[in-house]
Amino acid sequence: MKTYRTGFSLLAGFVCSICILTATPARALPGDLDPGLGGFGVGGRIQDAGFDVFAVTLDLQGRLLVAGRRDGTFHLQRRSGPRFLTVEDAGTIILGIQTSAVANAVAVAPDGKIVLAGYVGYDFDYDIAVARFNDDLSPDETFAGDSTANVDFDDDFDGANAVAIQDDLKIVVVGSADITSVIVGDADWAAVRFNENGTLDSSFNDDGKWSFDADHENDRAHAVAIQDDGKILIAGSIGPDQFFDNQDFAVVRLNANGSYDNSFGGDGRVDVAFGGEEGALGVAIDPVNGSVVLAGGGFSGYAPVSEDIKVARLLSNGGVDNSFDGDGKLILPIDGGTATA
């Protein structure tokens, strides 16, 4: 069975290590460890039998949220204390009977509610799944009536890899829709937008769903960011080979209504090739000038194979930002190991 992840650097199983850098503490220099993180600047290993960790974030009070899977369903923990070894609260949402559910992404809404996104299904038929928790980690039953919503693209394996929440509390999830049930399948990018109440947002591409086929066998979205003007950036990988060879970075910008933003790259899409097998696993927007930063690395299938971290920066119109390392692209080699951003 395939596993969709928000980033290939996240560890499957029950071990997750966390490290945050900051420049805010007194006398701290940029890049110094932040002792405010778990008291040391380094999070502890999350060893919790049966809890597979796939995503982390901070809540509005700066507390650590850890999301993933326990007993085949969505599971969320809030942790605190030295090295985050103390579990303050925990919540589980059962998404169905005889199913397997994995939360690959977590985000916190402006009102403090917590959204998990991933997939749910059984017997090689999986759908995009979203669940919402209240701040106390209880299921939020004001969302879709029972705290969960599933979306089927009429494919064998649909899954969400990332989630973002707009200022109006609408929820955008991105991932892939795979027409086959095997790891070497034929996948397209997929995105869904939900209203705050968990219904599909018909103002987004008419039915709340959007998909993108780059005419390749493996196109997968891994990251999403919302601009201040409501435009949506989706980043991921595209490639012609079903075995994940010759993958490139790609980013699409949509208008708030789900149409392509033709002011970005001429047709709403920009591809970035580093000459190997790579995919964008993260996207960020520079608040100063609107430039778009993509980060990722090389991979084959669902595992990193490159020793390099790869970063690209584009102008707000999708053009190459040549002020960034001369050609808009940067490769950071990591000696003696495998790395991705």
C-alpha atoms as a PDB file:
ATOM      1  CA  MET A   1       0.000   0.000   0.000  1.00  0.00           C
ATOM      2  CA  LYS A   2       1.225   3.472  -0.809  1.00  0.00           C
ATOM      3  CA  THR A   3       1.934   6.073   1.843  1.00  0.00           C
ATOM      4  CA  TYR A   4       1.434   9.741   1.035  1.00  0.00           C
ATOM      5  CA  ARG A   5       3.478  12.162   3.110  1.00  0.00           C
ATOM      6  CA  THR A   6       3.806  15.886   3.491  1.00  0.00           C
ATOM      7  CA  GLY A   7       7.568  15.517   3.226  1.00  0.00           C
ATOM      8  CA  PHE A   8       9.859  12.619   2.597  1.00  0.00           C
ATOM      9  CA  SER A   9      12.012  13.735   5.528  1.00  0.00           C
ATOM     10  CA  LEU A  10       9.284  12.733   7.986  1.00  0.00           C
ATOM     11  CA  LEU A  11       9.916   9.344   9.495  1.00  0.00           C
ATOM     12  CA  ALA A  12       7.435   6.518   9.149  1.00  0.00           C
ATOM     13  CA  GLY A  13       6.861   4.557  12.317  1.00  0.00           C
ATOM     14  CA  PHE A  14       6.885   6.088  15.758  1.00  0.00           C
ATOM     15  CA  VAL A  15      10.089   8.132  15.792  1.00  0.00           C
ATOM     16  CA  CYS A  16      10.085  11.857  15.056  1.00  0.00           C
ATOM     17  CA  SER A  17      12.885  14.274  15.931  1.00  0.00           C
ATOM     18  CA  ILE A  18      12.297  18.020  15.908  1.00  0.00           C
ATOM     19  CA  CYS A  19      14.722  20.933  15.749  1.00  0.00           C
ATOM     20  CA  ILE A  20      13.845  24.629  15.414  1.00  0.00           C
ATOM     21  CA  LEU A  21      16.246  27.496  14.711  1.00  0.00           C
ATOM     22  CA  THR A  22      15.514  31.105  15.566  1.00  0.00           C
ATOM     23  CA  ALA A  23      17.091  34.502  16.044  1.00  0.00           C
ATOM     24  CA  THR A  24      14.756  35.814  18.728  1.00  0.00           C
ATOM     25  CA  PRO A  25      16.334  34.848  22.104  1.00  0.00           C
ATOM     26  CA  ALA A  26      18.600  37.439  23.723  1.00  0.00           C
ATOM     27  CA  ARG A  27      22.139  37.352  22.327  1.00  0.00           C
ATOM     28  CA  ALA A  28      21.176  34.501  20.015  1.00  0.00           C
ATOM     29  CA  LEU A  29      22.543  34.581  16.500  1.00  0.00           C
ATOM     30  CA  PRO A  30      20.618  33.602  13.369  1.00  0.00           C
ATOM     31  CA  GLY A  31      20.734  29.828  13.131  1.00  0.00           C
ATOM     32  CA  ASP A  32      21.257  29.250  16.857  1.00  0.00           C
ATOM     33  CA  LEU A  33      19.070  26.624  18.491  1.00  0.00           C
ATOM     34  CA  ASP A  34      16.010  28.072  20.215  1.00  0.00           C
ATOM     35  CA  PRO A  35      15.976  26.890  23.855  1.00  0.00           C
ATOM     36  CA  GLY A  36      12.274  27.702  23.897  1.00  0.00           C
ATOM     37  CA  LEU A  37      11.737  24.492  21.943  1.00  0.00           C
ATOM     38  CA  GLY A  38      11.375  21.774  24.535  1.00  0.00           C
ATOM     39  CA  GLY A  39      13.837  23.589  26.804  1.00  0.00           C
ATOM     40  CA  PHE A  40      16.827  22.609  24.684  1.00  0.00           C
ATOM     41  CA  GLY A  41      16.147  23.647  21.093  1.00  0.00           C
ATOM     42  CA  VAL A  42      15.907  19.990  20.140  1.00  0.00           C
ATOM     43  CA  GLY A  43      12.753  17.940  20.439  1.00  0.00           C
ATOM     44  CA  GLY A  44      12.837  14.473  21.883  1.00  0.00           C
ATOM     45  CA  ARG A  45      12.171  11.268  20.043  1.00  0.00           C
ATOM     46  CA  ILE A  46       8.455  10.622  20.023  1.00  0.00           C
ATOM     47  CA  GLN A  47       8.340   6.987  21.013  1.00  0.00           C
ATOM     48  CA  ASP A  48       4.733   5.961  21.377  1.00  0.00           C
ATOM     49  CA  ALA A  49       3.925   2.402  20.415  1.00  0.00           C
ATOM     50  CA  GLY A  50       1.301   2.268  17.712  1.00  0.00           C
ATOM     51  CA  PHE A  51       1.489   5.985  16.868  1.00  0.00           C
ATOM     52  CA  ASP A  52       2.938   6.668  13.410  1.00  0.00           C
ATOM     53  CA  VAL A  53       3.922  10.343  13.143  1.00  0.00           C
ATOM     54  CA  PHE A  54       3.623  12.095   9.782  1.00  0.00           C
ATOM     55  CA  ALA A  55       3.212  15.824  10.532  1.00  0.00           C
ATOM     56  CA  VAL A  56       3.937  18.439  13.204  1.00  0.00           C
ATOM     57  CA  THR A  57       3.046  22.089  13.774  1.00  0.00           C
ATOM     58  CA  LEU A  58       2.520  24.571  16.614  1.00  0.00           C
ATOM     59  CA  ASP A  59      -0.847  25.715  17.945  1.00  0.00           C
ATOM     60  CA  LEU A  60      -1.720  29.361  18.609  1.00  0.00           C
ATOM     61  CA  GLN A  61      -0.090  29.152  22.066  1.00  0.00           C
ATOM     62  CA  GLY A  62       3.126  27.736  20.621  1.00  0.00           C
ATOM     63  CA  ARG A  63       2.485  24.202  21.856  1.00  0.00           C
ATOM     64  CA  LEU A  64       3.559  21.266  19.723  1.00  0.00           C
ATOM     65  CA  LEU A  65       0.922  19.336  17.769  1.00  0.00           C
ATOM     66  CA  VAL A  66       1.841  15.913  16.415  1.00  0.00           C
ATOM     67  CA  ALA A  67      -0.406  14.192  13.874  1.00  0.00           C
ATOM     68  CA  GLY A  68      -0.469  10.805  12.222  1.00  0.00           C
ATOM     69  CA  ARG A  69      -2.073   7.408  12.608  1.00  0.00           C
ATOM     70  CA  ARG A  70      -2.981   5.151  15.507  1.00  0.00           C
ATOM     71  CA  ASP A  71      -4.881   1.883  15.106  1.00  0.00           C
ATOM     72  CA  GLY A  72      -5.691   2.711  11.498  1.00  0.00           C
ATOM     73  CA  THR A  73      -7.282   6.105  12.084  1.00  0.00           C
ATOM     74  CA  PHE A  74      -6.412   9.801  12.509  1.00  0.00           C
ATOM     75  CA  HIS A  75      -4.603  10.598  15.762  1.00  0.00           C
ATOM     76  CA  LEU A  76      -3.472  13.927  17.217  1.00  0.00           C
ATOM     77  CA  GLN A  77      -1.371  14.754  20.275  1.00  0.00           C
ATOM     78  CA  ARG A  78      -0.426  17.998  22.002  1.00  0.00           C
ATOM     79  CA  ARG A  79       2.967  17.806  23.693  1.00  0.00           C
ATOM     80  CA  SER A  80       4.914  20.032  26.062  1.00  0.00           C
ATOM     81  CA  GLY A  81       7.719  20.022  28.598  1.00  0.00           C
ATOM     82  CA  PRO A  82      11.416  19.287  28.192  1.00  0.00           C
ATOM     83  CA  ARG A  83      11.984  17.719  24.783  1.00  0.00           C
ATOM     84  CA  PHE A  84       8.192  17.544  24.392  1.00  0.00           C
ATOM     85  CA  LEU A  85       8.019  14.249  26.220  1.00  0.00           C
ATOM     86  CA  THR A  86       4.785  15.149  28.051  1.00  0.00           C
ATOM     87  CA  VAL A  87       1.496  14.406  26.288  1.00  0.00           C
ATOM     88  CA  GLU A  88      -0.974  17.091  27.418  1.00  0.00           C
ATOM     89  CA  ASP A  89      -3.944  16.005  25.337  1.00  0.00           C
ATOM     90  CA  ALA A  90      -4.733  13.430  22.690  1.00  0.00           C
ATOM     91  CA  GLY A  91      -7.580  12.994  20.261  1.00  0.00           C
ATOM     92  CA  THR A  92      -8.615  10.323  17.796  1.00  0.00           C
ATOM     93  CA  ILE A  93     -11.214  10.469  15.057  1.00  0.00           C
ATOM     94  CA  ILE A  94     -12.508   7.209  13.593  1.00  0.00           C
ATOM     95  CA  LEU A  95     -13.174   7.711   9.897  1.00  0.00           C
ATOM     96  CA  GLY A  96     -15.095   4.523   9.177  1.00  0.00           C
ATOM     97  CA  ILE A  97     -15.386   0.800   9.681  1.00  0.00           C
ATOM     98  CA  GLN A  98     -12.852  -1.563   8.100  1.00  0.00           C
ATOM     99  CA  THR A  99     -10.699   1.301   6.932  1.00  0.00           C
ATOM    100  CA  SER A 100      -7.130   2.470   7.073  1.00  0.00           C
ATOM    101  CA  ALA A 101      -6.668   6.191   7.648  1.00  0.00           C
ATOM    102  CA  VAL A 102      -3.474   8.246   7.739  1.00  0.00           C
ATOM    103  CA  ALA A 103      -3.137  11.946   8.589  1.00  0.00           C
ATOM    104  CA  ASN A 104      -0.295  13.347   6.489  1.00  0.00           C
ATOM    105  CA  ALA A 105      -0.757  17.036   7.299  1.00  0.00           C
ATOM    106  CA  VAL A 106      -1.907  19.309  10.113  1.00  0.00           C
ATOM    107  CA  ALA A 107      -2.781  23.013  10.251  1.00  0.00           C
ATOM    108  CA  VAL A 108      -4.236  25.373  12.834  1.00  0.00           C
ATOM    109  CA  ALA A 109      -7.054  27.753  11.907  1.00  0.00           C
ATOM    110  CA  PRO A 110      -7.165  31.393  13.052  1.00  0.00           C
ATOM    111  CA  ASP A 111      -9.891  30.395  15.539  1.00  0.00           C
ATOM    112  CA  GLY A 112      -7.643  27.728  17.086  1.00  0.00           C
ATOM    113  CA  LYS A 113      -9.343  24.694  15.595  1.00  0.00           C
ATOM    114  CA  ILE A 114      -7.043  22.011  14.206  1.00  0.00           C
ATOM    115  CA  VAL A 115      -7.385  20.397  10.786  1.00  0.00           C
ATOM    116  CA  LEU A 116      -5.844  17.083   9.752  1.00  0.00           C
ATOM    117  CA  ALA A 117      -5.696  15.895   6.137  1.00  0.00           C
ATOM    118  CA  GLY A 118      -4.677  12.602   4.574  1.00  0.00           C
ATOM    119  CA  TYR A 119      -6.470   9.588   3.203  1.00  0.00           C
ATOM    120  CA  VAL A 120      -8.960   6.937   4.246  1.00  0.00           C
ATOM    121  CA  GLY A 121     -10.041   3.727   2.576  1.00  0.00           C
ATOM    122  CA  TYR A 122     -10.036  -0.010   2.371  1.00  0.00           C
ATOM    123  CA  ASP A 123      -8.982  -2.695  -0.092  1.00  0.00           C
ATOM    124  CA  PHE A 124      -7.079  -0.383  -2.496  1.00  0.00           C
ATOM    125  CA  ASP A 125      -9.859   2.197  -2.723  1.00  0.00           C
ATOM    126  CA  TYR A 126      -8.841   5.372  -0.900  1.00  0.00           C
ATOM    127  CA  ASP A 127     -10.258   8.896  -0.709  1.00  0.00           C
ATOM    128  CA  ILE A 128      -8.959  12.251   0.432  1.00  0.00           C
ATOM    129  CA  ALA A 129      -9.952  12.709   4.072  1.00  0.00           C
ATOM    130  CA  VAL A 130     -10.138  15.773   6.312  1.00  0.00           C
ATOM    131  CA  ALA A 131     -10.973  15.958  10.022  1.00  0.00           C
ATOM    132  CA  ARG A 132     -11.290  18.911  12.371  1.00  0.00           C
ATOM    133  CA  PHE A 133     -10.626  19.022  16.108  1.00  0.00           C
ATOM    134  CA  ASN A 134     -11.604  21.644  18.641  1.00  0.00           C
ATOM    135  CA  ASP A 135      -8.825  23.335  20.582  1.00  0.00           C
ATOM    136  CA  ASP A 136      -9.274  20.767  23.387  1.00  0.00           C
ATOM    137  CA  LEU A 137      -8.659  18.003  20.782  1.00  0.00           C
ATOM    138  CA  SER A 138     -12.235  16.774  20.845  1.00  0.00           C
ATOM    139  CA  PRO A 139     -13.850  16.093  17.435  1.00  0.00           C
ATOM    140  CA  ASP A 140     -15.500  19.221  16.020  1.00  0.00           C
ATOM    141  CA  GLU A 141     -18.948  17.992  15.025  1.00  0.00           C
ATOM    142  CA  THR A 142     -19.829  21.335  13.443  1.00  0.00           C
ATOM    143  CA  PHE A 143     -17.569  20.231  10.576  1.00  0.00           C
ATOM    144  CA  ALA A 144     -19.518  18.114   8.052  1.00  0.00           C
ATOM    145  CA  GLY A 145     -21.848  16.926  10.822  1.00  0.00           C
ATOM    146  CA  ASP A 146     -19.462  14.425  12.396  1.00  0.00           C
ATOM    147  CA  SER A 147     -16.030  16.152  12.248  1.00  0.00           C
ATOM    148  CA  THR A 148     -14.882  14.391   9.040  1.00  0.00           C
ATOM    149  CA  ALA A 149     -15.258  14.826   5.279  1.00  0.00           C
ATOM    150  CA  ASN A 150     -14.105  12.540   2.463  1.00  0.00           C
ATOM    151  CA  VAL A 151     -13.656  13.338  -1.239  1.00  0.00           C
ATOM    152  CA  ASP A 152     -13.456  10.815  -4.062  1.00  0.00           C
ATOM    153  CA  PHE A 153     -11.973  11.739  -7.450  1.00  0.00           C
ATOM    154  CA  ASP A 154     -13.280   8.438  -8.872  1.00  0.00           C
ATOM    155  CA  ASP A 155      -9.760   7.035  -8.782  1.00  0.00           C
ATOM    156  CA  ASP A 156      -8.333   4.080  -6.901  1.00  0.00           C
ATOM    157  CA  PHE A 157      -6.032   6.010  -4.600  1.00  0.00           C
ATOM    158  CA  ASP A 158      -6.728   9.635  -3.716  1.00  0.00           C
ATOM    159  CA  GLY A 159      -4.732  11.172  -0.895  1.00  0.00           C
ATOM    160  CA  ALA A 160      -3.945  14.557   0.645  1.00  0.00           C
ATOM    161  CA  ASN A 161      -0.358  15.550   1.375  1.00  0.00           C
ATOM    162  CA  ALA A 162      -0.774  19.134   2.610  1.00  0.00           C
ATOM    163  CA  VAL A 163      -3.389  21.475   4.048  1.00  0.00           C
ATOM    164  CA  ALA A 164      -3.736  25.247   4.391  1.00  0.00           C
ATOM    165  CA  ILE A 165      -6.461  27.348   6.000  1.00  0.00           C
ATOM    166  CA  GLN A 166      -7.569  30.667   4.562  1.00  0.00           C
ATOM    167  CA  ASP A 167      -8.356  33.744   6.641  1.00  0.00           C
ATOM    168  CA  ASP A 168     -12.068  33.098   5.996  1.00  0.00           C
ATOM    169  CA  LEU A 169     -11.573  29.606   7.533  1.00  0.00           C
ATOM    170  CA  LYS A 170     -12.022  27.769   4.238  1.00  0.00           C
ATOM    171  CA  ILE A 171      -9.756  24.719   4.029  1.00  0.00           C
ATOM    172  CA  VAL A 172      -7.548  23.881   1.033  1.00  0.00           C
ATOM    173  CA  VAL A 173      -6.015  20.417   0.771  1.00  0.00           C
ATOM    174  CA  VAL A 174      -3.722  19.180  -1.995  1.00  0.00           C
ATOM    175  CA  GLY A 175      -2.372  15.782  -2.954  1.00  0.00           C
ATOM    176  CA  SER A 176      -2.888  13.349  -5.786  1.00  0.00           C
ATOM    177  CA  ALA A 177      -5.527  11.289  -7.505  1.00  0.00           C
ATOM    178  CA  ASP A 178      -4.145   7.968  -8.713  1.00  0.00           C
ATOM    179  CA  ILE A 179      -6.056   5.925 -11.259  1.00  0.00           C
ATOM    180  CA  THR A 180      -4.370   2.698 -10.171  1.00  0.00           C
ATOM    181  CA  SER A 181      -3.865   0.986  -6.831  1.00  0.00           C
ATOM    182  CA  VAL A 182      -0.168   0.219  -7.119  1.00  0.00           C
ATOM    183  CA  ILE A 183       2.889   2.298  -6.314  1.00  0.00           C
ATOM    184  CA  VAL A 184       3.811   2.613  -9.994  1.00  0.00           C
ATOM    185  CA  GLY A 185       0.441   4.062 -10.896  1.00  0.00           C
ATOM    186  CA  ASP A 186      -0.703   7.039 -12.956  1.00  0.00           C
ATOM    187  CA  ALA A 187      -1.300  10.026 -10.698  1.00  0.00           C
ATOM    188  CA  ASP A 188      -2.495  13.602 -11.203  1.00  0.00           C
ATOM    189  CA  TRP A 189      -2.343  16.602  -8.896  1.00  0.00           C
ATOM    190  CA  ALA A 190      -5.517  17.119  -6.892  1.00  0.00           C
ATOM    191  CA  ALA A 191      -6.900  19.927  -4.739  1.00  0.00           C
ATOM    192  CA  VAL A 192     -10.099  20.382  -2.748  1.00  0.00           C
ATOM    193  CA  ARG A 193     -11.526  23.413  -0.969  1.00  0.00           C
ATOM    194  CA  PHE A 194     -14.008  23.070   1.869  1.00  0.00           C
ATOM    195  CA  ASN A 195     -16.246  25.688   3.374  1.00  0.00           C
ATOM    196  CA  GLU A 196     -15.882  26.257   7.109  1.00  0.00           C
ATOM    197  CA  ASN A 197     -18.794  23.874   7.744  1.00  0.00           C
ATOM    198  CA  GLY A 198     -17.131  21.009   5.850  1.00  0.00           C
ATOM    199  CA  THR A 199     -19.138  21.176   2.630  1.00  0.00           C
ATOM    200  CA  LEU A 200     -17.385  21.426  -0.728  1.00  0.00           C
ATOM    201  CA  ASP A 201     -16.891  25.030  -1.825  1.00  0.00           C
ATOM    202  CA  SER A 202     -18.698  25.403  -5.164  1.00  0.00           C
ATOM    203  CA  SER A 203     -17.010  28.775  -5.734  1.00  0.00           C
ATOM    204  CA  PHE A 204     -13.758  26.846  -6.266  1.00  0.00           C
ATOM    205  CA  ASN A 205     -13.668  25.389  -9.788  1.00  0.00           C
ATOM    206  CA  ASP A 206     -17.490  25.028  -9.730  1.00  0.00           C
ATOM    207  CA  ASP A 207     -17.575  21.886  -7.568  1.00  0.00           C
ATOM    208  CA  GLY A 208     -14.858  22.406  -4.954  1.00  0.00           C
ATOM    209  CA  LYS A 209     -12.449  20.018  -6.682  1.00  0.00           C
ATOM    210  CA  TRP A 210      -9.511  20.661  -9.028  1.00  0.00           C
ATOM    211  CA  SER A 211      -7.085  18.316 -10.755  1.00  0.00           C
ATOM    212  CA  PHE A 212      -4.077  18.762 -13.004  1.00  0.00           C
ATOM    213  CA  ASP A 213      -2.533  16.292 -15.445  1.00  0.00           C
ATOM    214  CA  ALA A 214       0.885  17.251 -16.813  1.00  0.00           C
ATOM    215  CA  ASP A 215       0.582  14.427 -19.364  1.00  0.00           C
ATOM    216  CA  HIS A 216       2.973  12.396 -17.253  1.00  0.00           C
ATOM    217  CA  GLU A 217       2.475   9.172 -15.356  1.00  0.00           C
ATOM    218  CA  ASN A 218       3.399  10.513 -11.937  1.00  0.00           C
ATOM    219  CA  ASP A 219       2.325  14.034 -11.070  1.00  0.00           C
ATOM    220  CA  ARG A 220       1.881  14.661  -7.336  1.00  0.00           C
ATOM    221  CA  ALA A 221       1.217  17.795  -5.278  1.00  0.00           C
ATOM    222  CA  HIS A 222       3.032  17.964  -1.950  1.00  0.00           C
ATOM    223  CA  ALA A 223       2.631  21.537  -0.658  1.00  0.00           C
ATOM    224  CA  VAL A 224       0.235  24.483  -0.633  1.00  0.00           C
ATOM    225  CA  ALA A 225       0.372  28.140   0.405  1.00  0.00           C
ATOM    226  CA  ILE A 226      -2.231  30.914   0.342  1.00  0.00           C
ATOM    227  CA  GLN A 227      -1.257  34.426  -0.754  1.00  0.00           C
ATOM    228  CA  ASP A 228      -2.648  37.526   0.964  1.00  0.00           C
ATOM    229  CA  ASP A 229      -4.766  38.199  -2.134  1.00  0.00           C
ATOM    230  CA  GLY A 230      -6.347  34.735  -1.896  1.00  0.00           C
ATOM    231  CA  LYS A 231      -4.428  33.160  -4.751  1.00  0.00           C
ATOM    232  CA  ILE A 232      -3.345  29.576  -4.129  1.00  0.00           C
ATOM    233  CA  LEU A 233       0.132  28.180  -4.780  1.00  0.00           C
ATOM    234  CA  ILE A 234       0.437  24.419  -5.181  1.00  0.00           C
ATOM    235  CA  ALA A 235       3.853  22.768  -5.494  1.00  0.00           C
ATOM    236  CA  GLY A 236       4.985  19.236  -6.165  1.00  0.00           C
ATOM    237  CA  SER A 237       6.615  16.971  -8.703  1.00  0.00           C
ATOM    238  CA  ILE A 238       5.935  15.994 -12.288  1.00  0.00           C
ATOM    239  CA  GLY A 239       7.562  13.230 -14.281  1.00  0.00           C
ATOM    240  CA  PRO A 240       7.043  11.062 -17.347  1.00  0.00           C
ATOM    241  CA  ASP A 241       8.079   7.758 -15.847  1.00  0.00           C
ATOM    242  CA  GLN A 242       5.882   5.526 -13.706  1.00  0.00           C
ATOM    243  CA  PHE A 243       8.955   4.514 -11.705  1.00  0.00           C
ATOM    244  CA  PHE A 244       9.552   8.166 -10.644  1.00  0.00           C
ATOM    245  CA  ASP A 245      12.573   8.804 -12.875  1.00  0.00           C
ATOM    246  CA  ASN A 246      13.199  12.260 -14.381  1.00  0.00           C
ATOM    247  CA  GLN A 247      11.037  14.141 -11.897  1.00  0.00           C
ATOM    248  CA  ASP A 248      11.088  17.966 -11.797  1.00  0.00           C
ATOM    249  CA  PHE A 249       9.874  20.675  -9.443  1.00  0.00           C
ATOM    250  CA  ALA A 250       6.575  22.225 -10.499  1.00  0.00           C
ATOM    251  CA  VAL A 251       4.353  24.958  -9.098  1.00  0.00           C
ATOM    252  CA  VAL A 252       0.882  26.123 -10.113  1.00  0.00           C
ATOM    253  CA  ARG A 253      -0.849  29.326  -9.062  1.00  0.00           C
ATOM    254  CA  LEU A 254      -4.629  29.434  -9.024  1.00  0.00           C
ATOM    255  CA  ASN A 255      -6.939  32.373  -8.649  1.00  0.00           C
ATOM    256  CA  ALA A 256      -9.228  32.247  -5.629  1.00  0.00           C
ATOM    257  CA  ASN A 257     -11.964  30.732  -7.813  1.00  0.00           C
ATOM    258  CA  GLY A 258      -9.764  27.805  -8.872  1.00  0.00           C
ATOM    259  CA  SER A 259      -8.920  29.070 -12.360  1.00  0.00           C
ATOM    260  CA  TYR A 260      -5.308  29.279 -13.517  1.00  0.00           C
ATOM    261  CA  ASP A 261      -3.586  32.589 -12.832  1.00  0.00           C
ATOM    262  CA  ASN A 262      -2.141  33.409 -16.248  1.00  0.00           C
ATOM    263  CA  SER A 263      -0.055  36.236 -14.793  1.00  0.00           C
ATOM    264  CA  PHE A 264       2.140  33.510 -13.288  1.00  0.00           C
ATOM    265  CA  GLY A 265       4.441  31.902 -15.841  1.00  0.00           C
ATOM    266  CA  GLY A 266       2.094  32.798 -18.700  1.00  0.00           C
ATOM    267  CA  ASP A 267      -0.313  29.927 -18.063  1.00  0.00           C
ATOM    268  CA  GLY A 268      -0.338  29.547 -14.290  1.00  0.00           C
ATOM    269  CA  ARG A 269       2.381  26.908 -14.144  1.00  0.00           C
ATOM    270  CA  VAL A 270       6.179  26.898 -13.837  1.00  0.00           C
ATOM    271  CA  ASP A 271       8.495  23.870 -13.957  1.00  0.00           C
ATOM    272  CA  VAL A 272      12.020  23.884 -12.522  1.00  0.00           C
ATOM    273  CA  ALA A 273      14.527  21.233 -13.597  1.00  0.00           C
ATOM    274  CA  PHE A 274      17.730  20.511 -11.706  1.00  0.00           C
ATOM    275  CA  GLY A 275      18.784  17.749 -14.094  1.00  0.00           C
ATOM    276  CA  GLY A 276      18.000  14.827 -11.818  1.00  0.00           C
ATOM    277  CA  GLU A 277      15.098  13.250 -10.001  1.00  0.00           C
ATOM    278  CA  GLU A 278      13.592  15.829  -7.695  1.00  0.00           C
ATOM    279  CA  GLY A 279      10.344  17.117  -6.325  1.00  0.00           C
ATOM    280  CA  ALA A 280       9.195  20.221  -4.464  1.00  0.00           C
ATOM    281  CA  LEU A 281       7.985  19.253  -1.003  1.00  0.00           C
ATOM    282  CA  GLY A 282       7.491  22.750   0.381  1.00  0.00           C
ATOM    283  CA  VAL A 283       6.435  26.194  -0.854  1.00  0.00           C
ATOM    284  CA  ALA A 284       6.630  29.591   0.841  1.00  0.00           C
ATOM    285  CA  ILE A 285       5.795  33.158  -0.160  1.00  0.00           C
ATOM    286  CA  ASP A 286       8.167  36.034   0.606  1.00  0.00           C
ATOM    287  CA  PRO A 287       5.975  38.613   2.392  1.00  0.00           C
ATOM    288  CA  VAL A 288       8.191  41.476   1.195  1.00  0.00           C
ATOM    289  CA  ASN A 289       8.160  41.013  -2.581  1.00  0.00           C
ATOM    290  CA  GLY A 290       5.867  38.046  -3.216  1.00  0.00           C
ATOM    291  CA  SER A 291       8.618  35.812  -4.569  1.00  0.00           C
ATOM    292  CA  VAL A 292       7.962  32.073  -4.409  1.00  0.00           C
ATOM    293  CA  VAL A 293      10.420  29.715  -2.713  1.00  0.00           C
ATOM    294  CA  LEU A 294      10.333  25.987  -3.439  1.00  0.00           C
ATOM    295  CA  ALA A 295      12.270  23.431  -1.414  1.00  0.00           C
ATOM    296  CA  GLY A 296      12.695  19.700  -1.747  1.00  0.00           C
ATOM    297  CA  GLY A 297      15.195  17.182  -2.943  1.00  0.00           C
ATOM    298  CA  GLY A 298      15.829  14.142  -5.014  1.00  0.00           C
ATOM    299  CA  PHE A 299      13.742  11.038  -4.567  1.00  0.00           C
ATOM    300  CA  SER A 300      12.645   7.826  -6.169  1.00  0.00           C
ATOM    301  CA  GLY A 301       9.175   6.608  -5.308  1.00  0.00           C
ATOM    302  CA  TYR A 302       8.567   7.604  -1.706  1.00  0.00           C
ATOM    303  CA  ALA A 303      12.162   7.575  -0.479  1.00  0.00           C
ATOM    304  CA  PRO A 304      14.922  10.194  -0.831  1.00  0.00           C
ATOM    305  CA  VAL A 305      17.842   9.062  -2.978  1.00  0.00           C
ATOM    306  CA  SER A 306      19.806  12.290  -3.285  1.00  0.00           C
ATOM    307  CA  GLU A 307      22.391  13.651  -0.880  1.00  0.00           C
ATOM    308  CA  ASP A 308      21.322  17.157  -1.840  1.00  0.00           C
ATOM    309  CA  ILE A 309      18.736  19.643  -0.646  1.00  0.00           C
ATOM    310  CA  LYS A 310      17.358  21.629  -3.582  1.00  0.00           C
ATOM    311  CA  VAL A 311      15.858  25.115  -3.429  1.00  0.00           C
ATOM    312  CA  ALA A 312      14.436  27.346  -6.171  1.00  0.00           C
ATOM    313  CA  ARG A 313      13.194  30.919  -6.026  1.00  0.00           C
ATOM    314  CA  LEU A 314      10.833  32.487  -8.535  1.00  0.00           C
ATOM    315  CA  LEU A 315       9.700  36.058  -8.994  1.00  0.00           C
ATOM    316  CA  SER A 316       6.092  36.849  -8.154  1.00  0.00           C
ATOM    317  CA  ASN A 317       5.259  36.546 -11.874  1.00  0.00           C
ATOM    318  CA  GLY A 318       6.829  33.087 -12.099  1.00  0.00           C
ATOM    319  CA  GLY A 319      10.045  34.224 -13.736  1.00  0.00           C
ATOM    320  CA  VAL A 320      13.424  32.954 -12.575  1.00  0.00           C
ATOM    321  CA  ASP A 321      14.888  35.029  -9.747  1.00  0.00           C
ATOM    322  CA  ASN A 322      18.481  35.333 -10.921  1.00  0.00           C
ATOM    323  CA  SER A 323      19.420  37.236  -7.769  1.00  0.00           C
ATOM    324  CA  PHE A 324      19.159  33.890  -5.979  1.00  0.00           C
ATOM    325  CA  ASP A 325      22.464  32.042  -6.510  1.00  0.00           C
ATOM    326  CA  GLY A 326      22.769  33.372 -10.064  1.00  0.00           C
ATOM    327  CA  ASP A 327      20.147  31.190 -11.730  1.00  0.00           C
ATOM    328  CA  GLY A 328      17.321  30.967  -9.214  1.00  0.00           C
ATOM    329  CA  LYS A 329      18.389  27.501  -8.082  1.00  0.00           C
ATOM    330  CA  LEU A 330      20.513  26.294  -5.196  1.00  0.00           C
ATOM    331  CA  ILE A 331      21.790  22.811  -4.398  1.00  0.00           C
ATOM    332  CA  LEU A 332      22.969  22.144  -0.846  1.00  0.00           C
ATOM    333  CA  PRO A 333      25.015  18.940  -0.711  1.00  0.00           C
ATOM    334  CA  ILE A 334      24.931  17.013   2.551  1.00  0.00           C
ATOM    335  CA  ASP A 335      28.012  14.868   2.968  1.00  0.00           C
ATOM    336  CA  GLY A 336      27.654  11.331   4.191  1.00  0.00           C
ATOM    337  CA  GLY A 337      23.896  11.031   4.113  1.00  0.00           C
ATOM    338  CA  THR A 338      20.603  11.496   2.394  1.00  0.00           C
ATOM    339  CA  ALA A 339      18.703  14.748   2.775  1.00  0.00           C
ATOM    340  CA  THR A 340      15.673  16.596   1.533  1.00  0.00           C
ATOM    341  CA  ALA A 341      13.902  19.776   2.631  1.00  0.00           C
END
